[in-house]
Amino acid sequence: GCGYGDVGQVHTSDCSHVIFGTPFGFVDYRNKAGDPMDDAGHGTHVAGVIAAKGNNGAEVSGVAWNAQIMALKFLAADGSGLMSDAIEALEYAVDHGAHVTSNSWGGVRFSSALYNAIVANMKANQLFICAAGNEGFDNDAMPDFPATFGIPNMVTVTAHDEEGHIPYWASYGNETIHLAAPGANIVSTVPTSLFNESLYTANGTSMA
């Protein structure tokens, strides 16, 4: 997938209507704790693209100002993590009423357990949004998972630049990628504790 990422991880004061506690709680499956504060910046950046509140002088706004963010962390700052923790995070999302999950993570190994977990999400009427990956591969020929599972509730997204072109680093596929969205030079929120600033420009299919 995208090297590393999170299922809905967030650590920013610029998200509108973020609910702390149940049903939209914070769970850190990586460290088996209830506090998934961002230790890489990736999750906060993606969360800002989704839900950063506008009209507040903060220079950026997300696409869904009133979205509720459920923070589910299962990867370490270096991108390492366990498939079992990813599955547990997806199960938590179903159990706690999430309607959509944003998934900017993946790998080349097929997992029937992960496939079945996403099918369970589908049966719970949950939409599974997935980044295509940043390897520049043709995912039709070199599958990346979960991006290429092809389950009906999945939308797999690659990136395009300001001119509408697919960057060299963005994975693609006529059969396995559903759409492209802006993913180059995207300004969004980041934890000031990691970046010494509240905004950062990033590239990636995660940002799309």
N, C-alpha and C. Protein backbone atom coordinates (compact mmCIF):
# COMPACT_ATOMS: atom_id res chain seq x y z
N GLY A 1 0.83 -1.19 0.00
CA GLY A 1 0.00 0.00 0.00
C GLY A 1 0.85 1.23 0.00
N CYS A 2 0.75 2.00 1.05
CA CYS A 2 1.37 3.31 1.10
C CYS A 2 2.53 3.35 2.05
N GLY A 3 3.18 2.22 2.31
CA GLY A 3 4.31 2.20 3.22
C GLY A 3 3.84 2.15 4.65
N TYR A 4 3.21 3.23 5.09
CA TYR A 4 2.58 3.16 6.39
C TYR A 4 1.41 4.11 6.43
N GLY A 5 0.54 3.85 7.35
CA GLY A 5 -0.65 4.67 7.49
C GLY A 5 -1.51 4.14 8.60
N ASP A 6 -2.72 4.61 8.68
CA ASP A 6 -3.58 4.27 9.78
C ASP A 6 -5.01 4.17 9.30
N VAL A 7 -5.82 3.49 10.08
CA VAL A 7 -7.24 3.49 9.83
C VAL A 7 -7.83 4.62 10.66
N GLY A 8 -7.97 5.76 10.03
CA GLY A 8 -8.64 6.87 10.70
C GLY A 8 -7.92 7.46 11.87
N GLN A 9 -6.60 7.39 11.93
CA GLN A 9 -5.88 7.99 13.04
C GLN A 9 -5.96 9.51 12.96
N VAL A 10 -6.10 10.15 14.10
CA VAL A 10 -6.21 11.61 14.10
C VAL A 10 -5.58 12.19 15.35
N HIS A 11 -4.90 13.28 15.21
CA HIS A 11 -4.38 14.04 16.35
C HIS A 11 -4.31 15.49 15.92
N THR A 12 -5.43 16.15 15.97
CA THR A 12 -5.47 17.53 15.54
C THR A 12 -6.65 18.23 16.15
N SER A 13 -6.48 19.49 16.48
CA SER A 13 -7.58 20.27 17.03
C SER A 13 -8.40 20.91 15.93
N ASP A 14 -8.05 20.66 14.66
CA ASP A 14 -8.71 21.31 13.54
C ASP A 14 -9.72 20.41 12.86
N CYS A 15 -10.17 19.37 13.52
CA CYS A 15 -11.21 18.51 12.97
C CYS A 15 -12.53 18.83 13.64
N SER A 16 -13.55 18.97 12.83
CA SER A 16 -14.85 19.36 13.35
C SER A 16 -15.60 18.15 13.90
N HIS A 17 -16.17 18.32 15.08
CA HIS A 17 -17.03 17.31 15.70
C HIS A 17 -16.31 15.98 15.87
N VAL A 18 -15.08 16.01 16.31
CA VAL A 18 -14.40 14.77 16.68
C VAL A 18 -14.94 14.34 18.04
N ILE A 19 -15.39 13.11 18.14
CA ILE A 19 -16.01 12.63 19.36
C ILE A 19 -15.00 11.81 20.14
N PHE A 20 -14.77 12.18 21.39
CA PHE A 20 -13.86 11.45 22.26
C PHE A 20 -14.67 10.49 23.12
N GLY A 21 -14.30 9.21 23.15
CA GLY A 21 -15.04 8.23 23.90
C GLY A 21 -16.02 7.48 23.01
N THR A 22 -16.87 6.71 23.57
CA THR A 22 -17.79 5.91 22.79
C THR A 22 -18.88 6.78 22.20
N PRO A 23 -19.44 6.44 21.03
CA PRO A 23 -19.03 5.28 20.23
C PRO A 23 -17.83 5.55 19.33
N PHE A 24 -17.38 6.81 19.24
CA PHE A 24 -16.25 7.12 18.38
C PHE A 24 -15.01 7.30 19.25
N GLY A 25 -14.42 6.18 19.66
CA GLY A 25 -13.34 6.23 20.65
C GLY A 25 -11.97 6.12 20.03
N PHE A 26 -10.96 6.26 20.86
CA PHE A 26 -9.57 6.12 20.47
C PHE A 26 -9.05 4.76 20.91
N VAL A 27 -8.53 4.00 19.97
CA VAL A 27 -7.97 2.70 20.30
C VAL A 27 -6.64 2.54 19.60
N ASP A 28 -5.60 2.18 20.35
CA ASP A 28 -4.27 1.95 19.80
C ASP A 28 -4.00 0.46 19.86
N TYR A 29 -4.24 -0.22 18.73
CA TYR A 29 -4.02 -1.66 18.71
C TYR A 29 -2.55 -2.01 18.66
N ARG A 30 -1.74 -1.09 18.18
CA ARG A 30 -0.30 -1.35 18.11
C ARG A 30 0.27 -1.52 19.51
N ASN A 31 -0.11 -0.65 20.43
CA ASN A 31 0.44 -0.67 21.78
C ASN A 31 -0.56 -1.18 22.81
N LYS A 32 -1.70 -1.68 22.32
CA LYS A 32 -2.73 -2.23 23.20
C LYS A 32 -3.14 -1.20 24.25
N ALA A 33 -3.38 0.00 23.80
CA ALA A 33 -3.73 1.09 24.69
C ALA A 33 -4.93 1.84 24.13
N GLY A 34 -5.45 2.78 24.92
CA GLY A 34 -6.59 3.55 24.49
C GLY A 34 -6.23 4.92 23.97
N ASP A 35 -4.97 5.14 23.64
CA ASP A 35 -4.52 6.47 23.25
C ASP A 35 -3.67 6.37 21.98
N PRO A 36 -4.27 6.52 20.80
CA PRO A 36 -3.51 6.36 19.56
C PRO A 36 -2.96 7.68 19.02
N MET A 37 -2.35 8.48 19.86
CA MET A 37 -1.82 9.75 19.39
C MET A 37 -0.78 9.52 18.29
N ASP A 38 -0.80 10.38 17.33
CA ASP A 38 -0.03 10.22 16.10
C ASP A 38 1.47 10.37 16.37
N ASP A 39 2.24 9.35 16.02
CA ASP A 39 3.69 9.42 16.20
C ASP A 39 4.43 9.43 14.86
N ALA A 40 3.69 9.68 13.77
CA ALA A 40 4.32 9.74 12.45
C ALA A 40 3.86 10.96 11.65
N GLY A 41 2.64 11.41 11.86
CA GLY A 41 2.11 12.55 11.13
C GLY A 41 1.19 12.18 9.99
N HIS A 42 1.32 10.96 9.50
CA HIS A 42 0.54 10.51 8.34
C HIS A 42 -0.95 10.50 8.62
N GLY A 43 -1.34 9.92 9.73
CA GLY A 43 -2.76 9.83 10.05
C GLY A 43 -3.41 11.18 10.25
N THR A 44 -2.70 12.10 10.90
CA THR A 44 -3.23 13.43 11.11
C THR A 44 -3.40 14.16 9.79
N HIS A 45 -2.45 13.98 8.88
CA HIS A 45 -2.54 14.63 7.57
C HIS A 45 -3.77 14.13 6.81
N VAL A 46 -3.98 12.82 6.79
CA VAL A 46 -5.13 12.26 6.10
C VAL A 46 -6.43 12.71 6.77
N ALA A 47 -6.45 12.73 8.10
CA ALA A 47 -7.64 13.16 8.82
C ALA A 47 -7.98 14.61 8.49
N GLY A 48 -6.96 15.44 8.32
CA GLY A 48 -7.20 16.83 7.95
C GLY A 48 -7.80 16.96 6.56
N VAL A 49 -7.31 16.14 5.63
CA VAL A 49 -7.89 16.14 4.28
C VAL A 49 -9.38 15.79 4.35
N ILE A 50 -9.71 14.88 5.23
CA ILE A 50 -11.09 14.44 5.34
C ILE A 50 -11.95 15.47 6.09
N ALA A 51 -11.49 15.93 7.24
CA ALA A 51 -12.44 16.59 8.16
C ALA A 51 -11.94 17.88 8.79
N ALA A 52 -10.85 18.46 8.33
CA ALA A 52 -10.43 19.74 8.92
C ALA A 52 -11.51 20.79 8.70
N LYS A 53 -11.87 21.48 9.75
CA LYS A 53 -12.96 22.46 9.68
C LYS A 53 -12.53 23.70 8.93
N GLY A 54 -13.42 24.23 8.10
CA GLY A 54 -13.13 25.43 7.32
C GLY A 54 -13.67 26.69 7.95
N ASN A 55 -13.41 27.82 7.29
CA ASN A 55 -13.90 29.13 7.72
C ASN A 55 -13.44 29.50 9.13
N ASN A 56 -12.21 29.10 9.47
CA ASN A 56 -11.69 29.39 10.81
C ASN A 56 -10.30 30.02 10.77
N GLY A 57 -9.85 30.44 9.60
CA GLY A 57 -8.56 31.10 9.49
C GLY A 57 -7.36 30.19 9.61
N ALA A 58 -7.58 28.88 9.53
CA ALA A 58 -6.49 27.91 9.71
C ALA A 58 -5.81 27.52 8.41
N GLU A 59 -6.19 28.14 7.28
CA GLU A 59 -5.52 27.99 5.98
C GLU A 59 -5.89 26.73 5.21
N VAL A 60 -6.42 25.72 5.86
CA VAL A 60 -6.83 24.51 5.15
C VAL A 60 -8.22 24.10 5.61
N SER A 61 -8.90 23.34 4.78
CA SER A 61 -10.18 22.75 5.19
C SER A 61 -10.32 21.40 4.53
N GLY A 62 -11.00 20.50 5.21
CA GLY A 62 -11.23 19.17 4.68
C GLY A 62 -12.46 19.14 3.79
N VAL A 63 -12.75 17.97 3.28
CA VAL A 63 -13.87 17.83 2.36
C VAL A 63 -15.19 17.57 3.09
N ALA A 64 -15.13 17.21 4.36
CA ALA A 64 -16.35 16.90 5.13
C ALA A 64 -16.21 17.50 6.52
N TRP A 65 -16.56 18.78 6.65
CA TRP A 65 -16.29 19.50 7.89
C TRP A 65 -16.97 18.90 9.11
N ASN A 66 -18.09 18.26 8.91
CA ASN A 66 -18.86 17.73 10.04
C ASN A 66 -18.67 16.24 10.24
N ALA A 67 -17.66 15.68 9.60
CA ALA A 67 -17.41 14.24 9.75
C ALA A 67 -16.96 13.92 11.17
N GLN A 68 -17.37 12.77 11.63
CA GLN A 68 -16.88 12.25 12.91
C GLN A 68 -15.72 11.31 12.63
N ILE A 69 -14.65 11.46 13.39
CA ILE A 69 -13.44 10.66 13.19
C ILE A 69 -13.31 9.61 14.28
N MET A 70 -13.19 8.36 13.88
CA MET A 70 -12.91 7.27 14.81
C MET A 70 -11.44 6.88 14.63
N ALA A 71 -10.65 7.06 15.65
CA ALA A 71 -9.20 6.84 15.53
C ALA A 71 -8.85 5.40 15.87
N LEU A 72 -8.33 4.66 14.89
CA LEU A 72 -7.94 3.26 15.07
C LEU A 72 -6.51 3.09 14.58
N LYS A 73 -5.60 2.96 15.49
CA LYS A 73 -4.17 2.88 15.16
C LYS A 73 -3.66 1.46 15.35
N PHE A 74 -2.96 0.95 14.34
CA PHE A 74 -2.36 -0.38 14.51
C PHE A 74 -0.94 -0.45 13.94
N LEU A 75 -0.40 0.66 13.45
CA LEU A 75 0.96 0.67 12.92
C LEU A 75 1.86 1.55 13.77
N ALA A 76 3.15 1.18 13.80
CA ALA A 76 4.14 1.98 14.50
C ALA A 76 4.59 3.13 13.61
N ALA A 77 5.39 4.03 14.18
CA ALA A 77 5.86 5.19 13.43
C ALA A 77 6.66 4.79 12.20
N ASP A 78 7.33 3.62 12.25
CA ASP A 78 8.14 3.18 11.12
C ASP A 78 7.33 2.39 10.09
N GLY A 79 6.03 2.27 10.32
CA GLY A 79 5.17 1.59 9.36
C GLY A 79 4.97 0.11 9.61
N SER A 80 5.61 -0.43 10.62
CA SER A 80 5.47 -1.86 10.89
C SER A 80 4.18 -2.12 11.66
N GLY A 81 3.63 -3.31 11.47
CA GLY A 81 2.41 -3.66 12.16
C GLY A 81 1.99 -5.08 11.86
N LEU A 82 0.99 -5.56 12.57
CA LEU A 82 0.52 -6.92 12.42
C LEU A 82 -0.83 -6.95 11.70
N MET A 83 -0.99 -7.93 10.82
CA MET A 83 -2.26 -8.09 10.12
C MET A 83 -3.39 -8.33 11.11
N SER A 84 -3.10 -9.08 12.15
CA SER A 84 -4.14 -9.37 13.14
C SER A 84 -4.64 -8.10 13.81
N ASP A 85 -3.76 -7.13 14.01
CA ASP A 85 -4.17 -5.86 14.60
C ASP A 85 -5.01 -5.04 13.62
N ALA A 86 -4.66 -5.10 12.34
CA ALA A 86 -5.46 -4.43 11.32
C ALA A 86 -6.88 -4.98 11.30
N ILE A 87 -6.99 -6.29 11.36
CA ILE A 87 -8.30 -6.94 11.35
C ILE A 87 -9.09 -6.55 12.59
N GLU A 88 -8.42 -6.52 13.73
CA GLU A 88 -9.10 -6.15 14.97
C GLU A 88 -9.60 -4.71 14.91
N ALA A 89 -8.82 -3.83 14.29
CA ALA A 89 -9.24 -2.44 14.15
C ALA A 89 -10.48 -2.34 13.26
N LEU A 90 -10.50 -3.11 12.16
CA LEU A 90 -11.67 -3.10 11.28
C LEU A 90 -12.90 -3.66 11.98
N GLU A 91 -12.70 -4.68 12.78
CA GLU A 91 -13.82 -5.24 13.54
C GLU A 91 -14.36 -4.21 14.53
N TYR A 92 -13.46 -3.45 15.16
CA TYR A 92 -13.88 -2.40 16.08
C TYR A 92 -14.73 -1.37 15.36
N ALA A 93 -14.31 -1.01 14.14
CA ALA A 93 -15.06 -0.02 13.38
C ALA A 93 -16.49 -0.49 13.10
N VAL A 94 -16.64 -1.77 12.77
CA VAL A 94 -17.97 -2.32 12.54
C VAL A 94 -18.78 -2.31 13.84
N ASP A 95 -18.16 -2.79 14.92
CA ASP A 95 -18.86 -2.93 16.19
C ASP A 95 -19.31 -1.59 16.76
N HIS A 96 -18.61 -0.51 16.39
CA HIS A 96 -18.90 0.80 16.97
C HIS A 96 -19.54 1.76 15.96
N GLY A 97 -20.08 1.21 14.89
CA GLY A 97 -20.98 1.98 14.05
C GLY A 97 -20.37 2.88 13.01
N ALA A 98 -19.10 2.68 12.65
CA ALA A 98 -18.50 3.51 11.60
C ALA A 98 -19.16 3.19 10.25
N HIS A 99 -19.39 4.21 9.46
CA HIS A 99 -20.00 4.03 8.15
C HIS A 99 -18.96 3.89 7.04
N VAL A 100 -17.77 4.48 7.25
CA VAL A 100 -16.70 4.49 6.25
C VAL A 100 -15.37 4.31 6.98
N THR A 101 -14.46 3.53 6.39
CA THR A 101 -13.09 3.51 6.90
C THR A 101 -12.15 3.98 5.80
N SER A 102 -11.13 4.75 6.20
CA SER A 102 -10.11 5.24 5.29
C SER A 102 -8.84 4.46 5.55
N ASN A 103 -8.37 3.74 4.52
CA ASN A 103 -7.29 2.77 4.71
C ASN A 103 -6.10 3.09 3.82
N SER A 104 -5.08 3.70 4.40
CA SER A 104 -3.87 4.06 3.66
C SER A 104 -2.72 3.17 4.10
N TRP A 105 -2.86 1.90 3.84
CA TRP A 105 -1.88 0.91 4.27
C TRP A 105 -2.05 -0.33 3.40
N GLY A 106 -1.08 -1.21 3.43
CA GLY A 106 -1.21 -2.43 2.65
C GLY A 106 0.11 -3.13 2.43
N GLY A 107 0.07 -4.18 1.62
CA GLY A 107 1.26 -4.96 1.34
C GLY A 107 0.99 -5.95 0.22
N VAL A 108 1.99 -6.73 -0.12
CA VAL A 108 1.87 -7.63 -1.27
C VAL A 108 1.36 -9.02 -0.90
N ARG A 109 1.24 -9.30 0.37
CA ARG A 109 0.83 -10.65 0.79
C ARG A 109 -0.69 -10.72 0.91
N PHE A 110 -1.29 -11.69 0.23
CA PHE A 110 -2.73 -11.92 0.33
C PHE A 110 -3.05 -12.52 1.69
N SER A 111 -4.13 -12.03 2.29
CA SER A 111 -4.58 -12.56 3.57
C SER A 111 -6.07 -12.87 3.47
N SER A 112 -6.43 -14.14 3.59
CA SER A 112 -7.84 -14.51 3.56
C SER A 112 -8.57 -13.96 4.78
N ALA A 113 -7.87 -13.84 5.91
CA ALA A 113 -8.49 -13.30 7.12
C ALA A 113 -8.84 -11.82 6.92
N LEU A 114 -7.95 -11.06 6.28
CA LEU A 114 -8.24 -9.66 6.01
C LEU A 114 -9.37 -9.54 5.00
N TYR A 115 -9.34 -10.37 3.98
CA TYR A 115 -10.42 -10.38 2.98
C TYR A 115 -11.76 -10.61 3.67
N ASN A 116 -11.81 -11.58 4.56
CA ASN A 116 -13.06 -11.90 5.25
C ASN A 116 -13.50 -10.75 6.15
N ALA A 117 -12.54 -10.04 6.75
CA ALA A 117 -12.87 -8.91 7.61
C ALA A 117 -13.52 -7.79 6.80
N ILE A 118 -13.04 -7.56 5.58
CA ILE A 118 -13.62 -6.51 4.74
C ILE A 118 -14.99 -6.95 4.23
N VAL A 119 -15.16 -8.22 3.97
CA VAL A 119 -16.48 -8.73 3.61
C VAL A 119 -17.46 -8.50 4.76
N ALA A 120 -16.99 -8.71 5.99
CA ALA A 120 -17.84 -8.45 7.15
C ALA A 120 -18.21 -6.98 7.23
N ASN A 121 -17.26 -6.10 6.87
CA ASN A 121 -17.57 -4.67 6.81
C ASN A 121 -18.67 -4.41 5.79
N MET A 122 -18.56 -5.07 4.64
CA MET A 122 -19.57 -4.90 3.59
C MET A 122 -20.95 -5.33 4.10
N LYS A 123 -21.01 -6.44 4.80
CA LYS A 123 -22.29 -6.93 5.31
C LYS A 123 -22.88 -5.99 6.36
N ALA A 124 -22.01 -5.17 6.96
CA ALA A 124 -22.47 -4.16 7.92
C ALA A 124 -22.74 -2.82 7.23
N ASN A 125 -22.80 -2.85 5.89
CA ASN A 125 -23.07 -1.65 5.08
C ASN A 125 -22.01 -0.56 5.29
N GLN A 126 -20.78 -0.99 5.43
CA GLN A 126 -19.67 -0.06 5.63
C GLN A 126 -18.85 0.06 4.34
N LEU A 127 -18.50 1.29 3.99
CA LEU A 127 -17.69 1.56 2.81
C LEU A 127 -16.21 1.52 3.19
N PHE A 128 -15.41 0.85 2.37
CA PHE A 128 -13.99 0.65 2.64
C PHE A 128 -13.21 1.41 1.57
N ILE A 129 -12.66 2.58 1.94
CA ILE A 129 -11.86 3.39 1.02
C ILE A 129 -10.39 3.00 1.19
N CYS A 130 -9.70 2.76 0.08
CA CYS A 130 -8.34 2.24 0.17
C CYS A 130 -7.41 2.96 -0.79
N ALA A 131 -6.24 3.34 -0.31
CA ALA A 131 -5.23 3.94 -1.17
C ALA A 131 -4.59 2.89 -2.07
N ALA A 132 -4.31 3.27 -3.31
CA ALA A 132 -3.77 2.33 -4.30
C ALA A 132 -2.33 1.94 -4.01
N GLY A 133 -1.56 2.87 -3.42
CA GLY A 133 -0.16 2.61 -3.12
C GLY A 133 0.75 3.58 -3.84
N ASN A 134 1.95 3.72 -3.31
CA ASN A 134 2.91 4.71 -3.81
C ASN A 134 4.13 4.08 -4.46
N GLU A 135 4.00 2.87 -4.97
CA GLU A 135 5.13 2.18 -5.60
C GLU A 135 5.21 2.41 -7.10
N GLY A 136 4.17 3.01 -7.68
CA GLY A 136 4.16 3.22 -9.12
C GLY A 136 3.93 1.95 -9.91
N PHE A 137 3.33 0.94 -9.28
CA PHE A 137 3.10 -0.34 -9.94
C PHE A 137 1.76 -0.35 -10.66
N ASP A 138 1.67 -1.25 -11.66
CA ASP A 138 0.39 -1.60 -12.25
C ASP A 138 -0.23 -2.66 -11.34
N ASN A 139 -1.21 -2.25 -10.53
CA ASN A 139 -1.79 -3.18 -9.57
C ASN A 139 -2.55 -4.32 -10.23
N ASP A 140 -2.91 -4.17 -11.50
CA ASP A 140 -3.53 -5.28 -12.21
C ASP A 140 -2.55 -6.44 -12.35
N ALA A 141 -1.28 -6.10 -12.57
CA ALA A 141 -0.25 -7.12 -12.79
C ALA A 141 0.48 -7.49 -11.50
N MET A 142 0.60 -6.54 -10.58
CA MET A 142 1.31 -6.77 -9.31
C MET A 142 0.37 -6.38 -8.18
N PRO A 143 -0.49 -7.29 -7.75
CA PRO A 143 -1.51 -6.96 -6.76
C PRO A 143 -0.93 -6.47 -5.45
N ASP A 144 -1.62 -5.50 -4.87
CA ASP A 144 -1.30 -4.97 -3.55
C ASP A 144 -2.58 -5.08 -2.72
N PHE A 145 -2.43 -5.53 -1.49
CA PHE A 145 -3.61 -5.79 -0.67
C PHE A 145 -3.64 -4.88 0.56
N PRO A 146 -4.81 -4.39 0.94
CA PRO A 146 -6.14 -4.77 0.45
C PRO A 146 -6.61 -4.07 -0.83
N ALA A 147 -5.79 -3.21 -1.42
CA ALA A 147 -6.24 -2.36 -2.52
C ALA A 147 -6.88 -3.12 -3.67
N THR A 148 -6.40 -4.33 -3.94
CA THR A 148 -6.87 -5.06 -5.13
C THR A 148 -7.79 -6.23 -4.81
N PHE A 149 -8.37 -6.27 -3.61
CA PHE A 149 -9.29 -7.36 -3.29
C PHE A 149 -10.52 -7.36 -4.20
N GLY A 150 -10.99 -6.19 -4.59
CA GLY A 150 -12.14 -6.12 -5.47
C GLY A 150 -13.46 -6.46 -4.81
N ILE A 151 -13.57 -6.28 -3.51
CA ILE A 151 -14.82 -6.53 -2.80
C ILE A 151 -15.80 -5.38 -3.10
N PRO A 152 -17.08 -5.65 -3.27
CA PRO A 152 -18.01 -4.62 -3.75
C PRO A 152 -18.09 -3.36 -2.92
N ASN A 153 -17.79 -3.40 -1.63
CA ASN A 153 -17.87 -2.20 -0.80
C ASN A 153 -16.59 -1.37 -0.83
N MET A 154 -15.63 -1.78 -1.64
CA MET A 154 -14.34 -1.10 -1.70
C MET A 154 -14.29 -0.05 -2.80
N VAL A 155 -13.62 1.06 -2.50
CA VAL A 155 -13.27 2.07 -3.50
C VAL A 155 -11.77 2.29 -3.37
N THR A 156 -11.03 1.90 -4.38
CA THR A 156 -9.57 2.04 -4.37
C THR A 156 -9.18 3.27 -5.17
N VAL A 157 -8.36 4.13 -4.56
CA VAL A 157 -8.09 5.46 -5.10
C VAL A 157 -6.60 5.64 -5.36
N THR A 158 -6.27 6.11 -6.55
CA THR A 158 -4.92 6.55 -6.83
C THR A 158 -4.90 8.08 -6.86
N ALA A 159 -3.73 8.63 -7.13
CA ALA A 159 -3.58 10.09 -7.08
C ALA A 159 -3.35 10.67 -8.47
N HIS A 160 -3.76 11.92 -8.63
CA HIS A 160 -3.33 12.68 -9.80
C HIS A 160 -2.77 14.02 -9.34
N ASP A 161 -2.00 14.66 -10.21
CA ASP A 161 -1.39 15.93 -9.86
C ASP A 161 -2.27 17.10 -10.29
N GLU A 162 -1.70 18.32 -10.20
CA GLU A 162 -2.47 19.52 -10.51
C GLU A 162 -2.92 19.58 -11.96
N GLU A 163 -2.25 18.85 -12.84
CA GLU A 163 -2.60 18.84 -14.26
C GLU A 163 -3.46 17.64 -14.65
N GLY A 164 -3.85 16.86 -13.66
CA GLY A 164 -4.68 15.70 -13.94
C GLY A 164 -3.92 14.46 -14.36
N HIS A 165 -2.59 14.47 -14.23
CA HIS A 165 -1.78 13.33 -14.63
C HIS A 165 -1.48 12.44 -13.43
N ILE A 166 -1.34 11.14 -13.68
CA ILE A 166 -0.95 10.21 -12.63
C ILE A 166 0.55 10.33 -12.41
N PRO A 167 1.02 10.70 -11.20
CA PRO A 167 2.46 10.81 -10.95
C PRO A 167 3.16 9.46 -11.09
N TYR A 168 4.46 9.51 -11.30
CA TYR A 168 5.23 8.28 -11.49
C TYR A 168 5.17 7.37 -10.28
N TRP A 169 4.98 7.95 -9.10
CA TRP A 169 5.00 7.15 -7.88
C TRP A 169 3.64 6.53 -7.54
N ALA A 170 2.58 6.94 -8.22
CA ALA A 170 1.24 6.47 -7.88
C ALA A 170 0.92 5.16 -8.58
N SER A 171 0.55 4.16 -7.83
CA SER A 171 0.15 2.89 -8.44
C SER A 171 -1.17 3.07 -9.18
N TYR A 172 -1.38 2.22 -10.18
CA TYR A 172 -2.51 2.39 -11.08
C TYR A 172 -3.04 1.02 -11.48
N GLY A 173 -4.09 0.99 -12.27
CA GLY A 173 -4.64 -0.28 -12.75
C GLY A 173 -6.02 -0.10 -13.32
N ASN A 174 -6.19 -0.45 -14.58
CA ASN A 174 -7.49 -0.29 -15.23
C ASN A 174 -8.58 -1.14 -14.60
N GLU A 175 -8.20 -2.29 -14.07
CA GLU A 175 -9.19 -3.22 -13.51
C GLU A 175 -9.34 -3.09 -12.00
N THR A 176 -8.29 -2.64 -11.32
CA THR A 176 -8.29 -2.69 -9.85
C THR A 176 -8.40 -1.33 -9.18
N ILE A 177 -8.20 -0.24 -9.92
CA ILE A 177 -8.29 1.10 -9.35
C ILE A 177 -9.57 1.75 -9.84
N HIS A 178 -10.34 2.31 -8.94
CA HIS A 178 -11.65 2.84 -9.29
C HIS A 178 -11.61 4.30 -9.73
N LEU A 179 -10.77 5.09 -9.10
CA LEU A 179 -10.74 6.51 -9.45
C LEU A 179 -9.43 7.14 -9.00
N ALA A 180 -9.19 8.34 -9.51
CA ALA A 180 -8.03 9.14 -9.10
C ALA A 180 -8.53 10.45 -8.51
N ALA A 181 -7.83 10.94 -7.50
CA ALA A 181 -8.18 12.20 -6.85
C ALA A 181 -6.89 12.97 -6.58
N PRO A 182 -6.99 14.26 -6.30
CA PRO A 182 -5.77 15.04 -6.05
C PRO A 182 -4.94 14.45 -4.92
N GLY A 183 -3.66 14.19 -5.21
CA GLY A 183 -2.78 13.60 -4.20
C GLY A 183 -1.37 14.14 -4.25
N ALA A 184 -1.15 15.22 -5.01
CA ALA A 184 0.19 15.81 -5.13
C ALA A 184 0.18 17.21 -4.52
N ASN A 185 1.19 17.47 -3.69
CA ASN A 185 1.35 18.78 -3.05
C ASN A 185 0.11 19.17 -2.25
N ILE A 186 -0.35 18.23 -1.42
CA ILE A 186 -1.54 18.44 -0.62
C ILE A 186 -1.15 19.00 0.74
N VAL A 187 -1.70 20.16 1.07
CA VAL A 187 -1.44 20.79 2.36
C VAL A 187 -2.52 20.34 3.34
N SER A 188 -2.09 19.86 4.51
CA SER A 188 -3.05 19.43 5.51
C SER A 188 -2.42 19.52 6.89
N THR A 189 -3.19 19.09 7.87
CA THR A 189 -2.80 19.21 9.27
C THR A 189 -1.76 18.15 9.66
N VAL A 190 -0.89 18.52 10.60
CA VAL A 190 0.08 17.60 11.19
C VAL A 190 0.25 17.95 12.67
N PRO A 191 0.74 17.01 13.48
CA PRO A 191 0.98 17.31 14.89
C PRO A 191 2.16 18.28 15.04
N THR A 192 1.94 19.37 15.72
CA THR A 192 3.04 20.33 15.93
C THR A 192 4.17 19.73 16.74
N SER A 193 3.88 18.72 17.55
CA SER A 193 4.92 18.09 18.36
C SER A 193 5.94 17.35 17.51
N LEU A 194 5.55 16.98 16.28
CA LEU A 194 6.45 16.26 15.39
C LEU A 194 7.05 17.14 14.31
N PHE A 195 6.33 18.18 13.89
CA PHE A 195 6.74 18.96 12.73
C PHE A 195 7.09 20.42 13.05
N ASN A 196 6.87 20.83 14.30
CA ASN A 196 7.09 22.23 14.69
C ASN A 196 6.26 23.20 13.87
N GLU A 197 5.21 22.71 13.27
CA GLU A 197 4.26 23.52 12.53
C GLU A 197 2.97 22.73 12.43
N SER A 198 1.87 23.42 12.13
CA SER A 198 0.58 22.74 12.13
C SER A 198 0.14 22.28 10.75
N LEU A 199 0.84 22.72 9.70
CA LEU A 199 0.51 22.34 8.33
C LEU A 199 1.73 21.78 7.62
N TYR A 200 1.48 20.86 6.70
CA TYR A 200 2.58 20.22 5.97
C TYR A 200 2.09 19.82 4.58
N THR A 201 2.98 19.92 3.59
CA THR A 201 2.65 19.54 2.22
C THR A 201 3.17 18.13 1.97
N ALA A 202 2.30 17.24 1.49
CA ALA A 202 2.66 15.84 1.28
C ALA A 202 2.12 15.33 -0.06
N ASN A 203 2.75 14.27 -0.55
CA ASN A 203 2.32 13.57 -1.76
C ASN A 203 1.96 12.14 -1.40
N GLY A 204 0.95 11.60 -2.07
CA GLY A 204 0.66 10.20 -1.86
C GLY A 204 -0.77 9.85 -2.23
N THR A 205 -0.98 8.56 -2.50
CA THR A 205 -2.35 8.11 -2.74
C THR A 205 -3.17 8.16 -1.46
N SER A 206 -2.51 8.22 -0.32
CA SER A 206 -3.22 8.43 0.95
C SER A 206 -3.93 9.77 0.95
N MET A 207 -3.26 10.78 0.42
CA MET A 207 -3.83 12.13 0.41
C MET A 207 -5.02 12.24 -0.55
N ALA A 208 -5.08 11.34 -1.54
CA ALA A 208 -6.17 11.35 -2.49
C ALA A 208 -7.45 10.80 -1.88
